[in-house]
């Protein structure tokens, strides 16, 4: 980055010839460019060509919640910290009109202060006002 800021880069495969599948690249850009919230990872930029797609995010130094709970050093979080991270995650995924569709511990990144930042909005869906009252089953199967 121009100001020597440390960032994270997520690499997705590019679109192969004749394919229209971009592995959620455009959906993630569309979703994250429309929302700003303190517990949602910030998209700083992107790059795309026929071979690769890159998403540039703010740096999360403390890995994912999944790595902390289930990785080599797994399970070393106090219960009060776990509860706080759960509440932060819940606030982030309850933003009106967004259905994340892939909430899991590996998609919860931890910032410098060990605060939860929800990531991976490729499969997310923006809901229309008229869809809010639909049953969850209807939303998941669309």
Foldseek 3Di string as FASTA:
>chain_A
DVVPADKDKDKFFAAEPPDPDGPLQVVQCVVQVVDDDPQAWHFDDWDHDRGMIMTITHDQPQAWQCCQQPNPVHDPDDPVLVVQQVVSVVVVCVDPQKHQLDDDRNQFTAHPVRHTHGDDSSVMGGHDPVCPPPDPVVVNVD
